[in-house]
Amino acid sequence: MNLKNRTAFITGASRGIGRAIALRLAKEGANIVIVAKSTEENPKLGGTIFSVADEVAQAGGVALPVACDIRHEDQIMAAVAQATAAFGGIDILINNASAISLTPTEQTEAKRYDLMHDINVRGTFMVSKCCIPNLKKGTNPHILNLSPPINMDPKWFGAHLAYTISKYGMSMVAHGLAEELKPFKIASNTLWPRTTIATAAVRNLLGGEMLMNMSRKPEILADAAYHILMRASDQCTGNFFIDDEVLAQEGITDLSAYSVVPGATLYPDLFL
């Protein structure tokens, strides 16, 4: 099993975790559909669909940058149509696009609540729906959502209710599709990091440079995703994967290279 000439449709792929997964799969010769809103660089965030497309090509993959806001079904359908026209189908769907706001209920504005649920839950659902016809015809087809195991510990609800509901919604989509798509041998799983990951969201919204220095690089999730996608789709579905556990199953236990600051104390991620 390999990724040569297989097509991965990755949302939120213009930076961070989505970009890292795109480059990892490109290294294996995959076709990468880079799906995101960013066509012009925001200095605070960095990256566009075009800059990542260049990196994908340099890494050995074939890139298709597609501007798409997954809050809108017509844009999703157009993106899937472009991917199909360019590559003949879709074999892998990575639902990575996500919005975050760790506010308590009284401080959560309706527009912020709606943004998280429109992208995290509705967007993930609709992208999956639109990709399923292609995945049914794909080679070793996989859906992988970047969302956590569903942990019912009340502390995760009490701290940031709206965000928790939205991320668990992403995981419920994956879990439901795992059962629904079993007859078609389409895998559906989630992947979540053990520690915080050094992304623009961590720097700008959560803890600045201090938390960045206590985080791991996005490449740990990219490597974990790669190993999940290499597994047989009819035998690997319905799982809530954690990045370091996936790597341990592959015999990779020295994770020091993934730390932003070698030897630093790592900060545990949410929901674990």
C-alpha atoms as a PDB file:
ATOM      1  CA  MET A   1       0.000   0.000   0.000  1.00  0.00           C
ATOM      2  CA  ASN A   2       1.315   3.451  -0.913  1.00  0.00           C
ATOM      3  CA  LEU A   3       0.046   6.941  -1.670  1.00  0.00           C
ATOM      4  CA  LYS A   4       1.485   7.311  -5.151  1.00  0.00           C
ATOM      5  CA  ASN A   5      -1.138   8.988  -7.371  1.00  0.00           C
ATOM      6  CA  ARG A   6      -3.799   8.786  -4.668  1.00  0.00           C
ATOM      7  CA  THR A   7      -5.729  11.973  -3.934  1.00  0.00           C
ATOM      8  CA  ALA A   8      -6.136  13.624  -0.524  1.00  0.00           C
ATOM      9  CA  PHE A   9      -8.689  16.391   0.001  1.00  0.00           C
ATOM     10  CA  ILE A  10      -7.514  18.420   3.030  1.00  0.00           C
ATOM     11  CA  THR A  11      -9.520  21.254   4.595  1.00  0.00           C
ATOM     12  CA  GLY A  12      -7.758  24.040   6.446  1.00  0.00           C
ATOM     13  CA  ALA A  13      -4.593  23.121   4.568  1.00  0.00           C
ATOM     14  CA  SER A  14      -3.106  26.590   4.135  1.00  0.00           C
ATOM     15  CA  ARG A  15      -1.162  26.456   7.414  1.00  0.00           C
ATOM     16  CA  GLY A  16      -0.504  24.550  10.621  1.00  0.00           C
ATOM     17  CA  ILE A  17      -1.606  20.943  10.964  1.00  0.00           C
ATOM     18  CA  GLY A  18      -3.352  20.829   7.577  1.00  0.00           C
ATOM     19  CA  ARG A  19      -0.221  22.065   5.834  1.00  0.00           C
ATOM     20  CA  ALA A  20       1.970  19.552   7.681  1.00  0.00           C
ATOM     21  CA  ILE A  21      -0.288  16.658   6.665  1.00  0.00           C
ATOM     22  CA  ALA A  22      -0.347  17.910   3.071  1.00  0.00           C
ATOM     23  CA  LEU A  23       3.448  17.961   2.905  1.00  0.00           C
ATOM     24  CA  ARG A  24       3.772  14.536   4.554  1.00  0.00           C
ATOM     25  CA  LEU A  25       1.421  12.932   2.064  1.00  0.00           C
ATOM     26  CA  ALA A  26       3.013  14.820  -0.825  1.00  0.00           C
ATOM     27  CA  LYS A  27       6.351  13.299   0.154  1.00  0.00           C
ATOM     28  CA  GLU A  28       4.769   9.923  -0.619  1.00  0.00           C
ATOM     29  CA  GLY A  29       3.684  11.064  -4.077  1.00  0.00           C
ATOM     30  CA  ALA A  30       0.054  11.884  -3.331  1.00  0.00           C
ATOM     31  CA  ASN A  31      -2.115  14.394  -5.135  1.00  0.00           C
ATOM     32  CA  ILE A  32      -3.084  17.096  -2.618  1.00  0.00           C
ATOM     33  CA  VAL A  33      -6.228  19.209  -2.844  1.00  0.00           C
ATOM     34  CA  ILE A  34      -5.446  22.228  -0.649  1.00  0.00           C
ATOM     35  CA  VAL A  35      -8.811  23.503   0.542  1.00  0.00           C
ATOM     36  CA  ALA A  36      -8.942  26.750   2.542  1.00  0.00           C
ATOM     37  CA  LYS A  37     -10.126  30.351   2.471  1.00  0.00           C
ATOM     38  CA  SER A  38      -6.663  31.910   2.531  1.00  0.00           C
ATOM     39  CA  THR A  39      -5.713  33.288  -0.882  1.00  0.00           C
ATOM     40  CA  GLU A  40      -3.802  36.274   0.532  1.00  0.00           C
ATOM     41  CA  GLU A  41      -1.410  35.961   3.466  1.00  0.00           C
ATOM     42  CA  ASN A  42      -2.399  37.282   6.882  1.00  0.00           C
ATOM     43  CA  PRO A  43       0.832  38.295   8.669  1.00  0.00           C
ATOM     44  CA  LYS A  44      -0.525  36.964  11.987  1.00  0.00           C
ATOM     45  CA  LEU A  45      -1.359  33.568  10.507  1.00  0.00           C
ATOM     46  CA  GLY A  46       0.912  32.980   7.540  1.00  0.00           C
ATOM     47  CA  GLY A  47       0.356  30.695   4.585  1.00  0.00           C
ATOM     48  CA  THR A  48      -2.059  30.569   1.671  1.00  0.00           C
ATOM     49  CA  ILE A  49      -3.383  27.809  -0.532  1.00  0.00           C
ATOM     50  CA  PHE A  50      -0.849  28.910  -3.145  1.00  0.00           C
ATOM     51  CA  SER A  51       2.202  28.913  -0.864  1.00  0.00           C
ATOM     52  CA  VAL A  52       1.342  25.419   0.320  1.00  0.00           C
ATOM     53  CA  ALA A  53       0.796  24.307  -3.279  1.00  0.00           C
ATOM     54  CA  ASP A  54       4.359  25.364  -4.036  1.00  0.00           C
ATOM     55  CA  GLU A  55       5.630  23.415  -1.027  1.00  0.00           C
ATOM     56  CA  VAL A  56       3.627  20.341  -2.024  1.00  0.00           C
ATOM     57  CA  ALA A  57       5.218  20.390  -5.470  1.00  0.00           C
ATOM     58  CA  GLN A  58       8.679  20.732  -3.942  1.00  0.00           C
ATOM     59  CA  ALA A  59       7.920  17.779  -1.649  1.00  0.00           C
ATOM     60  CA  GLY A  60       7.093  15.528  -4.586  1.00  0.00           C
ATOM     61  CA  GLY A  61       3.316  15.736  -4.746  1.00  0.00           C
ATOM     62  CA  VAL A  62       0.892  17.268  -7.216  1.00  0.00           C
ATOM     63  CA  ALA A  63      -1.073  20.202  -5.804  1.00  0.00           C
ATOM     64  CA  LEU A  64      -4.491  21.671  -6.538  1.00  0.00           C
ATOM     65  CA  PRO A  65      -5.117  24.846  -4.510  1.00  0.00           C
ATOM     66  CA  VAL A  66      -8.848  25.491  -4.100  1.00  0.00           C
ATOM     67  CA  ALA A  67     -10.323  28.550  -2.395  1.00  0.00           C
ATOM     68  CA  CYS A  68     -13.281  27.306  -0.369  1.00  0.00           C
ATOM     69  CA  ASP A  69     -15.251  28.395   2.699  1.00  0.00           C
ATOM     70  CA  ILE A  70     -16.692  25.149   4.043  1.00  0.00           C
ATOM     71  CA  ARG A  71     -19.582  27.036   5.629  1.00  0.00           C
ATOM     72  CA  HIS A  72     -21.121  27.144   2.151  1.00  0.00           C
ATOM     73  CA  GLU A  73     -22.323  23.944   0.498  1.00  0.00           C
ATOM     74  CA  ASP A  74     -22.043  25.343  -3.022  1.00  0.00           C
ATOM     75  CA  GLN A  75     -18.352  26.097  -2.473  1.00  0.00           C
ATOM     76  CA  ILE A  76     -17.766  22.599  -1.092  1.00  0.00           C
ATOM     77  CA  MET A  77     -19.479  21.034  -4.091  1.00  0.00           C
ATOM     78  CA  ALA A  78     -17.407  23.184  -6.448  1.00  0.00           C
ATOM     79  CA  ALA A  79     -14.176  22.199  -4.655  1.00  0.00           C
ATOM     80  CA  VAL A  80     -15.022  18.502  -4.882  1.00  0.00           C
ATOM     81  CA  ALA A  81     -15.875  18.921  -8.564  1.00  0.00           C
ATOM     82  CA  GLN A  82     -12.497  20.599  -9.194  1.00  0.00           C
ATOM     83  CA  ALA A  83     -10.693  17.780  -7.380  1.00  0.00           C
ATOM     84  CA  THR A  84     -12.540  15.152  -9.390  1.00  0.00           C
ATOM     85  CA  ALA A  85     -11.868  16.915 -12.659  1.00  0.00           C
ATOM     86  CA  ALA A  86      -8.167  17.275 -11.872  1.00  0.00           C
ATOM     87  CA  PHE A  87      -7.438  13.853 -10.402  1.00  0.00           C
ATOM     88  CA  GLY A  88     -10.361  11.594 -11.315  1.00  0.00           C
ATOM     89  CA  GLY A  89     -11.547  11.091  -7.748  1.00  0.00           C
ATOM     90  CA  ILE A  90     -10.801  11.377  -4.026  1.00  0.00           C
ATOM     91  CA  ASP A  91      -9.256   8.614  -1.906  1.00  0.00           C
ATOM     92  CA  ILE A  92      -8.626  10.449   1.375  1.00  0.00           C
ATOM     93  CA  LEU A  93     -10.533  13.173   3.200  1.00  0.00           C
ATOM     94  CA  ILE A  94      -8.853  15.077   6.031  1.00  0.00           C
ATOM     95  CA  ASN A  95     -11.358  17.221   7.938  1.00  0.00           C
ATOM     96  CA  ASN A  96      -8.904  19.591   9.592  1.00  0.00           C
ATOM     97  CA  ALA A  97     -10.559  23.025   9.279  1.00  0.00           C
ATOM     98  CA  SER A  98     -11.685  24.255  12.679  1.00  0.00           C
ATOM     99  CA  ALA A  99     -12.551  27.384  14.652  1.00  0.00           C
ATOM    100  CA  ILE A 100     -11.795  27.873  18.343  1.00  0.00           C
ATOM    101  CA  SER A 101     -12.926  30.157  21.143  1.00  0.00           C
ATOM    102  CA  LEU A 102     -12.321  29.013  24.716  1.00  0.00           C
ATOM    103  CA  THR A 103     -14.872  31.349  26.266  1.00  0.00           C
ATOM    104  CA  PRO A 104     -17.347  30.585  29.075  1.00  0.00           C
ATOM    105  CA  THR A 105     -21.000  30.658  28.113  1.00  0.00           C
ATOM    106  CA  GLU A 106     -21.742  34.239  29.154  1.00  0.00           C
ATOM    107  CA  GLN A 107     -18.827  35.539  27.097  1.00  0.00           C
ATOM    108  CA  THR A 108     -19.653  33.508  23.972  1.00  0.00           C
ATOM    109  CA  GLU A 109     -21.310  35.699  21.361  1.00  0.00           C
ATOM    110  CA  ALA A 110     -23.838  34.157  19.000  1.00  0.00           C
ATOM    111  CA  LYS A 111     -21.628  34.860  15.987  1.00  0.00           C
ATOM    112  CA  ARG A 112     -18.681  33.059  17.639  1.00  0.00           C
ATOM    113  CA  TYR A 113     -20.889  30.093  18.602  1.00  0.00           C
ATOM    114  CA  ASP A 114     -22.244  29.942  15.053  1.00  0.00           C
ATOM    115  CA  LEU A 115     -18.751  30.167  13.527  1.00  0.00           C
ATOM    116  CA  MET A 116     -17.483  27.170  15.526  1.00  0.00           C
ATOM    117  CA  HIS A 117     -20.513  25.057  14.772  1.00  0.00           C
ATOM    118  CA  ASP A 118     -20.730  26.094  11.116  1.00  0.00           C
ATOM    119  CA  ILE A 119     -17.094  25.127  10.493  1.00  0.00           C
ATOM    120  CA  ASN A 120     -16.408  22.349  12.997  1.00  0.00           C
ATOM    121  CA  VAL A 121     -19.665  20.402  12.855  1.00  0.00           C
ATOM    122  CA  ARG A 122     -21.711  21.477   9.851  1.00  0.00           C
ATOM    123  CA  GLY A 123     -18.666  22.002   7.646  1.00  0.00           C
ATOM    124  CA  THR A 124     -17.173  18.625   8.542  1.00  0.00           C
ATOM    125  CA  PHE A 125     -20.520  16.933   7.918  1.00  0.00           C
ATOM    126  CA  MET A 126     -21.097  18.616   4.557  1.00  0.00           C
ATOM    127  CA  VAL A 127     -17.547  18.095   3.261  1.00  0.00           C
ATOM    128  CA  SER A 128     -17.819  14.423   4.208  1.00  0.00           C
ATOM    129  CA  LYS A 129     -21.202  14.135   2.533  1.00  0.00           C
ATOM    130  CA  CYS A 130     -19.934  15.672  -0.701  1.00  0.00           C
ATOM    131  CA  CYS A 131     -16.814  13.478  -0.771  1.00  0.00           C
ATOM    132  CA  ILE A 132     -18.529  10.147  -0.062  1.00  0.00           C
ATOM    133  CA  PRO A 133     -19.491   9.389  -3.700  1.00  0.00           C
ATOM    134  CA  ASN A 134     -15.819   9.700  -4.665  1.00  0.00           C
ATOM    135  CA  LEU A 135     -14.592   7.808  -1.606  1.00  0.00           C
ATOM    136  CA  LYS A 136     -16.863   4.895  -2.501  1.00  0.00           C
ATOM    137  CA  LYS A 137     -14.801   4.515  -5.674  1.00  0.00           C
ATOM    138  CA  GLY A 138     -11.468   5.331  -4.026  1.00  0.00           C
ATOM    139  CA  THR A 139      -8.442   3.181  -3.289  1.00  0.00           C
ATOM    140  CA  ASN A 140      -8.231   2.254   0.415  1.00  0.00           C
ATOM    141  CA  PRO A 141     -10.523   5.203   1.221  1.00  0.00           C
ATOM    142  CA  HIS A 142     -10.171   7.025   4.534  1.00  0.00           C
ATOM    143  CA  ILE A 143     -11.881   9.893   6.351  1.00  0.00           C
ATOM    144  CA  LEU A 144      -9.809  11.384   9.174  1.00  0.00           C
ATOM    145  CA  ASN A 145     -11.153  14.166  11.405  1.00  0.00           C
ATOM    146  CA  LEU A 146      -8.820  16.257  13.558  1.00  0.00           C
ATOM    147  CA  SER A 147     -10.970  16.039  16.665  1.00  0.00           C
ATOM    148  CA  PRO A 148     -10.758  14.516  20.147  1.00  0.00           C
ATOM    149  CA  PRO A 149     -12.019  11.389  21.832  1.00  0.00           C
ATOM    150  CA  ILE A 150     -15.389  12.105  23.409  1.00  0.00           C
ATOM    151  CA  ASN A 151     -14.497  12.572  27.059  1.00  0.00           C
ATOM    152  CA  MET A 152     -17.596  13.174  29.202  1.00  0.00           C
ATOM    153  CA  ASP A 153     -15.633  14.555  32.149  1.00  0.00           C
ATOM    154  CA  PRO A 154     -17.691  17.645  33.162  1.00  0.00           C
ATOM    155  CA  LYS A 155     -14.568  19.826  33.328  1.00  0.00           C
ATOM    156  CA  TRP A 156     -14.316  19.903  29.542  1.00  0.00           C
ATOM    157  CA  PHE A 157     -17.886  21.178  29.288  1.00  0.00           C
ATOM    158  CA  GLY A 158     -17.686  23.641  32.146  1.00  0.00           C
ATOM    159  CA  ALA A 159     -14.596  25.426  30.884  1.00  0.00           C
ATOM    160  CA  HIS A 160     -15.655  26.198  27.287  1.00  0.00           C
ATOM    161  CA  LEU A 161     -19.042  24.668  26.531  1.00  0.00           C
ATOM    162  CA  ALA A 162     -19.563  25.932  22.974  1.00  0.00           C
ATOM    163  CA  TYR A 163     -16.135  24.831  21.731  1.00  0.00           C
ATOM    164  CA  THR A 164     -16.400  21.434  23.438  1.00  0.00           C
ATOM    165  CA  ILE A 165     -19.769  20.725  21.837  1.00  0.00           C
ATOM    166  CA  SER A 166     -18.396  21.667  18.418  1.00  0.00           C
ATOM    167  CA  LYS A 167     -15.278  19.472  18.644  1.00  0.00           C
ATOM    168  CA  TYR A 168     -17.239  16.527  20.004  1.00  0.00           C
ATOM    169  CA  GLY A 169     -19.637  17.111  17.111  1.00  0.00           C
ATOM    170  CA  MET A 170     -16.748  16.543  14.693  1.00  0.00           C
ATOM    171  CA  SER A 171     -15.914  13.307  16.493  1.00  0.00           C
ATOM    172  CA  MET A 172     -19.545  12.184  16.386  1.00  0.00           C
ATOM    173  CA  VAL A 173     -19.579  12.739  12.623  1.00  0.00           C
ATOM    174  CA  ALA A 174     -16.541  10.476  12.270  1.00  0.00           C
ATOM    175  CA  HIS A 175     -17.991   7.856  14.603  1.00  0.00           C
ATOM    176  CA  GLY A 176     -21.331   7.806  12.809  1.00  0.00           C
ATOM    177  CA  LEU A 177     -19.752   7.592   9.378  1.00  0.00           C
ATOM    178  CA  ALA A 178     -17.579   4.686  10.518  1.00  0.00           C
ATOM    179  CA  GLU A 179     -20.727   2.647  11.025  1.00  0.00           C
ATOM    180  CA  GLU A 180     -22.656   4.028   8.066  1.00  0.00           C
ATOM    181  CA  LEU A 181     -19.837   3.487   5.572  1.00  0.00           C
ATOM    182  CA  LYS A 182     -18.701   0.033   6.689  1.00  0.00           C
ATOM    183  CA  PRO A 183     -20.482  -1.645   3.742  1.00  0.00           C
ATOM    184  CA  PHE A 184     -18.354   0.475   1.394  1.00  0.00           C
ATOM    185  CA  LYS A 185     -15.071  -0.245   3.235  1.00  0.00           C
ATOM    186  CA  ILE A 186     -14.506   3.471   3.885  1.00  0.00           C
ATOM    187  CA  ALA A 187     -12.568   4.062   7.094  1.00  0.00           C
ATOM    188  CA  SER A 188     -13.618   6.926   9.359  1.00  0.00           C
ATOM    189  CA  ASN A 189     -11.499   7.884  12.370  1.00  0.00           C
ATOM    190  CA  THR A 190     -10.376  10.846  14.450  1.00  0.00           C
ATOM    191  CA  LEU A 191      -6.884  11.987  15.415  1.00  0.00           C
ATOM    192  CA  TRP A 192      -5.930  14.236  18.340  1.00  0.00           C
ATOM    193  CA  PRO A 193      -2.608  15.337  19.862  1.00  0.00           C
ATOM    194  CA  ARG A 194      -1.366  14.371  23.328  1.00  0.00           C
ATOM    195  CA  THR A 195       0.142  17.832  23.742  1.00  0.00           C
ATOM    196  CA  THR A 196      -0.561  21.285  22.412  1.00  0.00           C
ATOM    197  CA  ILE A 197       0.706  21.806  18.877  1.00  0.00           C
ATOM    198  CA  ALA A 198       2.701  24.826  17.737  1.00  0.00           C
ATOM    199  CA  THR A 199       0.211  26.570  15.440  1.00  0.00           C
ATOM    200  CA  ALA A 200      -0.945  30.134  14.866  1.00  0.00           C
ATOM    201  CA  ALA A 201      -4.011  29.419  17.020  1.00  0.00           C
ATOM    202  CA  VAL A 202      -1.809  28.494  19.985  1.00  0.00           C
ATOM    203  CA  ARG A 203       0.338  31.585  19.519  1.00  0.00           C
ATOM    204  CA  ASN A 204      -2.465  34.075  18.899  1.00  0.00           C
ATOM    205  CA  LEU A 205      -5.399  32.753  20.911  1.00  0.00           C
ATOM    206  CA  LEU A 206      -4.175  30.514  23.698  1.00  0.00           C
ATOM    207  CA  GLY A 207      -0.816  31.095  25.276  1.00  0.00           C
ATOM    208  CA  GLY A 208       1.612  33.007  23.106  1.00  0.00           C
ATOM    209  CA  GLU A 209       5.267  32.070  22.887  1.00  0.00           C
ATOM    210  CA  MET A 210       5.330  30.425  26.318  1.00  0.00           C
ATOM    211  CA  LEU A 211       2.805  27.783  25.294  1.00  0.00           C
ATOM    212  CA  MET A 212       4.428  27.456  21.868  1.00  0.00           C
ATOM    213  CA  ASN A 213       7.655  26.492  23.613  1.00  0.00           C
ATOM    214  CA  MET A 214       5.787  23.792  25.569  1.00  0.00           C
ATOM    215  CA  SER A 215       4.271  22.319  22.413  1.00  0.00           C
ATOM    216  CA  ARG A 216       5.135  19.789  19.748  1.00  0.00           C
ATOM    217  CA  LYS A 217       5.454  20.525  16.048  1.00  0.00           C
ATOM    218  CA  PRO A 218       2.564  19.812  13.652  1.00  0.00           C
ATOM    219  CA  GLU A 219       4.720  17.127  12.034  1.00  0.00           C
ATOM    220  CA  ILE A 220       3.848  14.661  14.812  1.00  0.00           C
ATOM    221  CA  LEU A 221       0.218  14.716  13.690  1.00  0.00           C
ATOM    222  CA  ALA A 222       1.276  14.523  10.049  1.00  0.00           C
ATOM    223  CA  ASP A 223       3.317  11.384  10.709  1.00  0.00           C
ATOM    224  CA  ALA A 224       0.526   9.838  12.776  1.00  0.00           C
ATOM    225  CA  ALA A 225      -1.990  10.611  10.037  1.00  0.00           C
ATOM    226  CA  TYR A 226       0.246   8.987   7.447  1.00  0.00           C
ATOM    227  CA  HIS A 227       0.451   5.742   9.443  1.00  0.00           C
ATOM    228  CA  ILE A 228      -3.331   5.661   9.944  1.00  0.00           C
ATOM    229  CA  LEU A 229      -3.927   6.184   6.230  1.00  0.00           C
ATOM    230  CA  MET A 230      -1.607   3.293   5.411  1.00  0.00           C
ATOM    231  CA  ARG A 231      -3.843   0.878   7.311  1.00  0.00           C
ATOM    232  CA  ALA A 232      -6.480  -1.178   5.504  1.00  0.00           C
ATOM    233  CA  SER A 233      -9.673   0.872   5.395  1.00  0.00           C
ATOM    234  CA  ASP A 234     -11.907  -2.132   6.008  1.00  0.00           C
ATOM    235  CA  GLN A 235     -10.022  -3.017   9.194  1.00  0.00           C
ATOM    236  CA  CYS A 236      -9.263   0.416  10.679  1.00  0.00           C
ATOM    237  CA  THR A 237     -12.409   2.396  11.394  1.00  0.00           C
ATOM    238  CA  GLY A 238     -14.326   3.884  14.313  1.00  0.00           C
ATOM    239  CA  ASN A 239     -11.203   4.793  16.303  1.00  0.00           C
ATOM    240  CA  PHE A 240     -10.366   7.881  18.360  1.00  0.00           C
ATOM    241  CA  PHE A 241      -6.609   7.973  17.789  1.00  0.00           C
ATOM    242  CA  ILE A 242      -4.012   9.886  19.850  1.00  0.00           C
ATOM    243  CA  ASP A 243      -0.862  10.866  17.954  1.00  0.00           C
ATOM    244  CA  ASP A 244       1.790   9.332  20.237  1.00  0.00           C
ATOM    245  CA  GLU A 245      -0.188   6.092  20.584  1.00  0.00           C
ATOM    246  CA  VAL A 246      -0.321   5.709  16.794  1.00  0.00           C
ATOM    247  CA  LEU A 247       3.432   6.226  16.542  1.00  0.00           C
ATOM    248  CA  ALA A 248       4.085   3.780  19.389  1.00  0.00           C
ATOM    249  CA  GLN A 249       2.093   1.154  17.501  1.00  0.00           C
ATOM    250  CA  GLU A 250       4.518   1.713  14.619  1.00  0.00           C
ATOM    251  CA  GLY A 251       7.523   1.276  16.925  1.00  0.00           C
ATOM    252  CA  ILE A 252       8.264   5.013  17.141  1.00  0.00           C
ATOM    253  CA  THR A 253       8.771   5.922  20.791  1.00  0.00           C
ATOM    254  CA  ASP A 254      11.474   8.600  20.710  1.00  0.00           C
ATOM    255  CA  LEU A 255       9.414  11.743  20.119  1.00  0.00           C
ATOM    256  CA  SER A 256      12.054  14.274  21.124  1.00  0.00           C
ATOM    257  CA  ALA A 257      12.465  15.558  17.574  1.00  0.00           C
ATOM    258  CA  TYR A 258       8.879  16.783  17.586  1.00  0.00           C
ATOM    259  CA  SER A 259       9.353  19.185  20.530  1.00  0.00           C
ATOM    260  CA  VAL A 260       9.589  22.857  19.631  1.00  0.00           C
ATOM    261  CA  VAL A 261      12.129  23.246  22.437  1.00  0.00           C
ATOM    262  CA  PRO A 262      14.122  20.036  22.996  1.00  0.00           C
ATOM    263  CA  GLY A 263      13.702  18.758  26.539  1.00  0.00           C
ATOM    264  CA  ALA A 264      10.997  21.264  27.489  1.00  0.00           C
ATOM    265  CA  THR A 265       8.048  20.299  29.670  1.00  0.00           C
ATOM    266  CA  LEU A 266       5.118  19.617  27.343  1.00  0.00           C
ATOM    267  CA  TYR A 267       1.640  21.042  27.886  1.00  0.00           C
ATOM    268  CA  PRO A 268      -1.209  18.492  27.669  1.00  0.00           C
ATOM    269  CA  ASP A 269      -3.888  19.240  25.115  1.00  0.00           C
ATOM    270  CA  LEU A 270      -7.588  19.553  25.891  1.00  0.00           C
ATOM    271  CA  PHE A 271      -9.997  16.620  26.328  1.00  0.00           C
ATOM    272  CA  LEU A 272      -7.404  14.064  27.490  1.00  0.00           C
END
